[in-house]
Amino acid sequence: MPVKGRVKHAFGQNRTAGLSWQGWLIDAEVGKEVKTIAHGRVAYSDWLRGYGLLMIIDHGDGFMSLYANNESLMREVGEWVEAGSDITTVGTSPLNGNGLYFEIRKNGKAMDPAAWLKR
């Protein structure tokens, strides 16, 4: 897990307007450090509409992990990170409250984080 906490919204659960969650919203304290789930290189580290402060790690072989709804970003694009490295801190949003939004993508398609974390 990138941060300890209860999964408030899981992959595939209904959202609004016929949409479903593409990842997990993990309940965690604001300011709590978020760790990368695997070795990789920072592909994106900036604000993005709908995600807030967002960090994307490219793990190779088409896999990427996304960490959104952050209070701060601790790494820059191009930096290499090891599994378990601190990369962001948890933030809050008016829509979802405190917590980390976490996605795994394979070749651009969202997949259930549970499948990756079982590895």
N, C-alpha and C. Protein backbone atom coordinates (compact mmCIF):
# COMPACT_ATOMS: atom_id res chain seq x y z
N MET A 1 0.84 -1.19 0.00
CA MET A 1 0.00 0.00 0.00
C MET A 1 0.88 1.25 0.00
N PRO A 2 0.48 2.24 -0.74
CA PRO A 2 1.27 3.48 -0.76
C PRO A 2 1.14 4.28 0.53
N VAL A 3 0.04 4.09 1.25
CA VAL A 3 -0.18 4.74 2.55
C VAL A 3 -1.14 3.85 3.34
N LYS A 4 -0.95 3.80 4.65
CA LYS A 4 -1.85 2.99 5.48
C LYS A 4 -3.18 3.71 5.63
N GLY A 5 -4.25 2.94 5.49
CA GLY A 5 -5.58 3.51 5.64
C GLY A 5 -6.63 2.59 5.06
N ARG A 6 -7.86 2.90 5.36
CA ARG A 6 -9.01 2.15 4.86
C ARG A 6 -9.34 2.63 3.45
N VAL A 7 -9.68 1.71 2.57
CA VAL A 7 -10.10 2.07 1.21
C VAL A 7 -11.55 2.56 1.30
N LYS A 8 -11.74 3.87 1.09
CA LYS A 8 -13.08 4.47 1.16
C LYS A 8 -13.88 4.18 -0.10
N HIS A 9 -13.21 4.21 -1.24
CA HIS A 9 -13.85 3.92 -2.52
C HIS A 9 -12.92 3.00 -3.29
N ALA A 10 -13.44 1.89 -3.79
CA ALA A 10 -12.63 0.88 -4.46
C ALA A 10 -12.85 0.90 -5.97
N PHE A 11 -11.90 0.34 -6.68
CA PHE A 11 -11.96 0.21 -8.13
C PHE A 11 -13.29 -0.42 -8.54
N GLY A 12 -13.95 0.21 -9.52
CA GLY A 12 -15.19 -0.33 -10.07
C GLY A 12 -16.46 0.09 -9.35
N GLN A 13 -16.35 0.64 -8.15
CA GLN A 13 -17.55 1.09 -7.44
C GLN A 13 -18.18 2.26 -8.19
N ASN A 14 -19.49 2.38 -8.07
CA ASN A 14 -20.21 3.48 -8.71
C ASN A 14 -19.79 4.81 -8.11
N ARG A 15 -19.67 5.79 -8.98
CA ARG A 15 -19.33 7.16 -8.58
C ARG A 15 -20.57 8.01 -8.82
N THR A 16 -20.50 8.98 -9.70
CA THR A 16 -21.67 9.80 -10.04
C THR A 16 -21.85 9.81 -11.54
N ALA A 17 -23.02 10.15 -11.98
CA ALA A 17 -23.33 10.29 -13.41
C ALA A 17 -22.94 9.07 -14.23
N GLY A 18 -23.13 7.88 -13.67
CA GLY A 18 -22.83 6.65 -14.40
C GLY A 18 -21.37 6.29 -14.49
N LEU A 19 -20.51 7.04 -13.81
CA LEU A 19 -19.07 6.76 -13.81
C LEU A 19 -18.73 5.80 -12.68
N SER A 20 -17.58 5.15 -12.81
CA SER A 20 -17.11 4.29 -11.73
C SER A 20 -15.68 4.68 -11.35
N TRP A 21 -15.28 4.30 -10.15
CA TRP A 21 -13.93 4.59 -9.67
C TRP A 21 -12.91 3.81 -10.49
N GLN A 22 -11.87 4.51 -10.93
CA GLN A 22 -10.80 3.91 -11.72
C GLN A 22 -9.61 3.49 -10.85
N GLY A 23 -9.72 3.74 -9.57
CA GLY A 23 -8.66 3.40 -8.62
C GLY A 23 -9.25 3.35 -7.23
N TRP A 24 -8.40 3.60 -6.22
CA TRP A 24 -8.84 3.59 -4.82
C TRP A 24 -8.72 4.98 -4.22
N LEU A 25 -9.64 5.34 -3.35
CA LEU A 25 -9.49 6.50 -2.49
C LEU A 25 -9.20 5.93 -1.11
N ILE A 26 -7.98 6.16 -0.63
CA ILE A 26 -7.53 5.60 0.65
C ILE A 26 -7.61 6.68 1.72
N ASP A 27 -8.36 6.40 2.77
CA ASP A 27 -8.51 7.34 3.88
C ASP A 27 -7.19 7.42 4.64
N ALA A 28 -6.63 8.62 4.75
CA ALA A 28 -5.37 8.82 5.46
C ALA A 28 -5.29 10.26 5.95
N GLU A 29 -4.49 10.47 6.97
CA GLU A 29 -4.30 11.80 7.55
C GLU A 29 -3.60 12.74 6.58
N VAL A 30 -4.04 14.00 6.55
CA VAL A 30 -3.36 15.02 5.76
C VAL A 30 -1.92 15.13 6.27
N GLY A 31 -0.98 15.18 5.33
CA GLY A 31 0.43 15.31 5.68
C GLY A 31 1.16 13.98 5.81
N LYS A 32 0.43 12.86 5.85
CA LYS A 32 1.04 11.53 5.95
C LYS A 32 1.86 11.26 4.68
N GLU A 33 3.06 10.70 4.84
CA GLU A 33 3.92 10.42 3.69
C GLU A 33 3.39 9.25 2.87
N VAL A 34 3.45 9.42 1.55
CA VAL A 34 3.01 8.40 0.59
C VAL A 34 4.25 7.78 -0.02
N LYS A 35 4.25 6.45 -0.15
CA LYS A 35 5.40 5.73 -0.68
C LYS A 35 5.08 5.10 -2.03
N THR A 36 6.08 5.08 -2.89
CA THR A 36 5.86 4.43 -4.19
C THR A 36 5.79 2.91 -4.00
N ILE A 37 4.99 2.26 -4.83
CA ILE A 37 4.75 0.83 -4.67
C ILE A 37 5.82 -0.03 -5.33
N ALA A 38 6.65 0.56 -6.19
CA ALA A 38 7.68 -0.20 -6.89
C ALA A 38 8.72 0.76 -7.47
N HIS A 39 9.87 0.22 -7.84
CA HIS A 39 10.93 0.99 -8.49
C HIS A 39 10.39 1.61 -9.77
N GLY A 40 10.82 2.83 -10.07
CA GLY A 40 10.39 3.45 -11.32
C GLY A 40 10.95 4.85 -11.46
N ARG A 41 10.45 5.55 -12.46
CA ARG A 41 10.91 6.91 -12.76
C ARG A 41 9.71 7.84 -12.78
N VAL A 42 9.87 9.02 -12.19
CA VAL A 42 8.78 10.00 -12.14
C VAL A 42 8.50 10.50 -13.56
N ALA A 43 7.26 10.29 -14.01
CA ALA A 43 6.85 10.70 -15.35
C ALA A 43 6.08 12.03 -15.31
N TYR A 44 5.44 12.31 -14.17
CA TYR A 44 4.64 13.55 -14.03
C TYR A 44 4.65 13.94 -12.56
N SER A 45 4.81 15.23 -12.31
CA SER A 45 4.80 15.74 -10.95
C SER A 45 4.35 17.20 -10.98
N ASP A 46 3.03 17.41 -10.92
CA ASP A 46 2.47 18.76 -11.03
C ASP A 46 0.97 18.70 -10.72
N TRP A 47 0.31 19.84 -10.81
CA TRP A 47 -1.12 19.93 -10.61
C TRP A 47 -1.82 19.53 -11.90
N LEU A 48 -2.93 18.80 -11.79
CA LEU A 48 -3.74 18.43 -12.95
C LEU A 48 -5.21 18.51 -12.55
N ARG A 49 -5.98 19.21 -13.36
CA ARG A 49 -7.41 19.38 -13.08
C ARG A 49 -8.07 18.02 -12.85
N GLY A 50 -8.84 17.94 -11.80
CA GLY A 50 -9.54 16.70 -11.46
C GLY A 50 -8.74 15.78 -10.55
N TYR A 51 -7.42 15.99 -10.48
CA TYR A 51 -6.55 15.16 -9.65
C TYR A 51 -5.84 15.97 -8.57
N GLY A 52 -5.80 17.29 -8.71
CA GLY A 52 -5.02 18.12 -7.79
C GLY A 52 -3.54 17.90 -8.03
N LEU A 53 -2.75 17.94 -6.95
CA LEU A 53 -1.32 17.65 -7.08
C LEU A 53 -1.18 16.15 -7.35
N LEU A 54 -0.57 15.83 -8.48
CA LEU A 54 -0.51 14.46 -8.99
C LEU A 54 0.92 14.05 -9.26
N MET A 55 1.25 12.81 -8.88
CA MET A 55 2.53 12.22 -9.25
C MET A 55 2.25 10.91 -9.97
N ILE A 56 2.95 10.72 -11.09
CA ILE A 56 2.84 9.47 -11.85
C ILE A 56 4.22 8.85 -11.93
N ILE A 57 4.31 7.57 -11.58
CA ILE A 57 5.56 6.82 -11.64
C ILE A 57 5.45 5.79 -12.76
N ASP A 58 6.43 5.79 -13.66
CA ASP A 58 6.50 4.81 -14.74
C ASP A 58 7.36 3.65 -14.25
N HIS A 59 6.77 2.45 -14.19
CA HIS A 59 7.47 1.27 -13.69
C HIS A 59 7.99 0.38 -14.81
N GLY A 60 7.80 0.79 -16.06
CA GLY A 60 8.24 -0.02 -17.19
C GLY A 60 7.21 -1.07 -17.56
N ASP A 61 7.41 -1.71 -18.69
CA ASP A 61 6.51 -2.76 -19.20
C ASP A 61 5.05 -2.29 -19.28
N GLY A 62 4.83 -0.99 -19.48
CA GLY A 62 3.48 -0.44 -19.62
C GLY A 62 2.78 -0.12 -18.32
N PHE A 63 3.42 -0.38 -17.16
CA PHE A 63 2.79 -0.12 -15.86
C PHE A 63 3.13 1.27 -15.35
N MET A 64 2.10 1.95 -14.85
CA MET A 64 2.27 3.25 -14.19
C MET A 64 1.40 3.28 -12.95
N SER A 65 1.88 3.99 -11.93
CA SER A 65 1.07 4.22 -10.73
C SER A 65 0.83 5.71 -10.60
N LEU A 66 -0.40 6.07 -10.20
CA LEU A 66 -0.80 7.47 -10.06
C LEU A 66 -1.18 7.73 -8.61
N TYR A 67 -0.68 8.84 -8.08
CA TYR A 67 -0.92 9.25 -6.70
C TYR A 67 -1.48 10.67 -6.75
N ALA A 68 -2.74 10.85 -6.38
CA ALA A 68 -3.39 12.16 -6.53
C ALA A 68 -4.00 12.62 -5.21
N ASN A 69 -4.48 13.86 -5.22
CA ASN A 69 -5.09 14.49 -4.05
C ASN A 69 -4.02 14.72 -2.98
N ASN A 70 -2.84 15.17 -3.41
CA ASN A 70 -1.72 15.36 -2.51
C ASN A 70 -1.64 16.77 -1.95
N GLU A 71 -0.99 16.88 -0.80
CA GLU A 71 -0.70 18.18 -0.19
C GLU A 71 0.62 18.71 -0.73
N SER A 72 1.59 17.82 -0.98
CA SER A 72 2.88 18.23 -1.52
C SER A 72 3.48 17.11 -2.37
N LEU A 73 4.34 17.50 -3.30
CA LEU A 73 5.06 16.57 -4.18
C LEU A 73 6.54 16.64 -3.81
N MET A 74 7.17 15.49 -3.58
CA MET A 74 8.54 15.46 -3.10
C MET A 74 9.57 15.08 -4.16
N ARG A 75 9.13 14.77 -5.35
CA ARG A 75 10.03 14.34 -6.43
C ARG A 75 9.74 15.12 -7.69
N GLU A 76 10.75 15.18 -8.57
CA GLU A 76 10.61 15.89 -9.84
C GLU A 76 10.64 14.91 -11.01
N VAL A 77 10.09 15.35 -12.14
CA VAL A 77 10.09 14.53 -13.35
C VAL A 77 11.52 14.10 -13.68
N GLY A 78 11.65 12.82 -14.01
CA GLY A 78 12.95 12.27 -14.38
C GLY A 78 13.68 11.58 -13.24
N GLU A 79 13.30 11.84 -12.01
CA GLU A 79 13.95 11.20 -10.86
C GLU A 79 13.60 9.72 -10.80
N TRP A 80 14.58 8.91 -10.43
CA TRP A 80 14.36 7.48 -10.18
C TRP A 80 14.01 7.30 -8.72
N VAL A 81 13.08 6.40 -8.44
CA VAL A 81 12.67 6.11 -7.07
C VAL A 81 12.68 4.60 -6.84
N GLU A 82 13.01 4.23 -5.63
CA GLU A 82 12.98 2.82 -5.23
C GLU A 82 11.63 2.51 -4.60
N ALA A 83 11.26 1.25 -4.55
CA ALA A 83 10.04 0.84 -3.87
C ALA A 83 10.10 1.31 -2.43
N GLY A 84 9.03 1.90 -1.94
CA GLY A 84 8.96 2.36 -0.57
C GLY A 84 9.51 3.76 -0.35
N SER A 85 9.96 4.44 -1.41
CA SER A 85 10.47 5.81 -1.29
C SER A 85 9.33 6.78 -1.05
N ASP A 86 9.56 7.76 -0.16
CA ASP A 86 8.58 8.82 0.06
C ASP A 86 8.51 9.69 -1.20
N ILE A 87 7.29 9.91 -1.70
CA ILE A 87 7.15 10.68 -2.94
C ILE A 87 6.19 11.86 -2.81
N THR A 88 5.17 11.76 -1.96
CA THR A 88 4.20 12.84 -1.77
C THR A 88 3.72 12.83 -0.32
N THR A 89 2.86 13.81 0.00
CA THR A 89 2.13 13.76 1.27
C THR A 89 0.64 13.89 0.98
N VAL A 90 -0.15 13.20 1.77
CA VAL A 90 -1.61 13.16 1.60
C VAL A 90 -2.21 14.54 1.77
N GLY A 91 -3.20 14.83 0.93
CA GLY A 91 -3.92 16.09 1.00
C GLY A 91 -5.40 15.89 1.25
N THR A 92 -6.16 16.90 0.89
CA THR A 92 -7.60 16.86 1.08
C THR A 92 -8.26 17.53 -0.12
N SER A 93 -9.52 17.19 -0.36
CA SER A 93 -10.27 17.86 -1.42
C SER A 93 -11.68 18.11 -0.91
N PRO A 94 -12.33 19.18 -1.42
CA PRO A 94 -13.70 19.47 -0.98
C PRO A 94 -14.67 18.35 -1.33
N LEU A 95 -14.42 17.65 -2.41
CA LEU A 95 -15.31 16.60 -2.88
C LEU A 95 -15.16 15.29 -2.10
N ASN A 96 -13.90 14.88 -1.84
CA ASN A 96 -13.66 13.56 -1.26
C ASN A 96 -13.06 13.57 0.14
N GLY A 97 -12.73 14.74 0.67
CA GLY A 97 -12.14 14.82 2.00
C GLY A 97 -10.69 14.39 2.01
N ASN A 98 -10.20 14.01 3.19
CA ASN A 98 -8.81 13.57 3.34
C ASN A 98 -8.59 12.24 2.64
N GLY A 99 -7.40 12.07 2.10
CA GLY A 99 -7.06 10.77 1.55
C GLY A 99 -6.25 10.85 0.28
N LEU A 100 -5.69 9.72 -0.08
CA LEU A 100 -4.90 9.57 -1.30
C LEU A 100 -5.74 8.88 -2.37
N TYR A 101 -5.75 9.44 -3.57
CA TYR A 101 -6.36 8.75 -4.70
C TYR A 101 -5.23 8.01 -5.41
N PHE A 102 -5.39 6.69 -5.61
CA PHE A 102 -4.34 5.81 -6.12
C PHE A 102 -4.86 4.96 -7.27
N GLU A 103 -4.14 5.00 -8.39
CA GLU A 103 -4.50 4.18 -9.56
C GLU A 103 -3.29 3.40 -10.04
N ILE A 104 -3.56 2.28 -10.69
CA ILE A 104 -2.55 1.53 -11.44
C ILE A 104 -3.06 1.47 -12.87
N ARG A 105 -2.17 1.71 -13.81
CA ARG A 105 -2.53 1.61 -15.23
C ARG A 105 -1.56 0.69 -15.96
N LYS A 106 -2.10 -0.10 -16.85
CA LYS A 106 -1.32 -0.98 -17.72
C LYS A 106 -1.64 -0.57 -19.14
N ASN A 107 -0.62 -0.08 -19.86
CA ASN A 107 -0.80 0.41 -21.23
C ASN A 107 -1.94 1.44 -21.31
N GLY A 108 -2.01 2.30 -20.30
CA GLY A 108 -2.98 3.39 -20.27
C GLY A 108 -4.35 3.02 -19.76
N LYS A 109 -4.60 1.74 -19.50
CA LYS A 109 -5.91 1.29 -19.03
C LYS A 109 -5.87 1.03 -17.53
N ALA A 110 -6.85 1.62 -16.82
CA ALA A 110 -6.92 1.44 -15.36
C ALA A 110 -7.18 -0.02 -15.02
N MET A 111 -6.50 -0.48 -13.97
CA MET A 111 -6.72 -1.84 -13.47
C MET A 111 -6.90 -1.79 -11.96
N ASP A 112 -7.48 -2.83 -11.40
CA ASP A 112 -7.72 -2.87 -9.96
C ASP A 112 -6.38 -2.93 -9.22
N PRO A 113 -6.10 -1.96 -8.33
CA PRO A 113 -4.85 -1.99 -7.57
C PRO A 113 -4.65 -3.27 -6.77
N ALA A 114 -5.73 -3.93 -6.39
CA ALA A 114 -5.61 -5.18 -5.61
C ALA A 114 -4.82 -6.22 -6.38
N ALA A 115 -4.98 -6.29 -7.70
CA ALA A 115 -4.25 -7.26 -8.51
C ALA A 115 -2.74 -7.00 -8.46
N TRP A 116 -2.34 -5.73 -8.50
CA TRP A 116 -0.91 -5.38 -8.45
C TRP A 116 -0.34 -5.67 -7.05
N LEU A 117 -1.06 -5.27 -6.03
CA LEU A 117 -0.55 -5.40 -4.66
C LEU A 117 -0.43 -6.84 -4.20
N LYS A 118 -1.10 -7.77 -4.88
CA LYS A 118 -0.97 -9.21 -4.55
C LYS A 118 0.37 -9.77 -5.03
N ARG A 119 1.04 -9.07 -5.98
CA ARG A 119 2.28 -9.57 -6.58
C ARG A 119 3.38 -9.74 -5.57
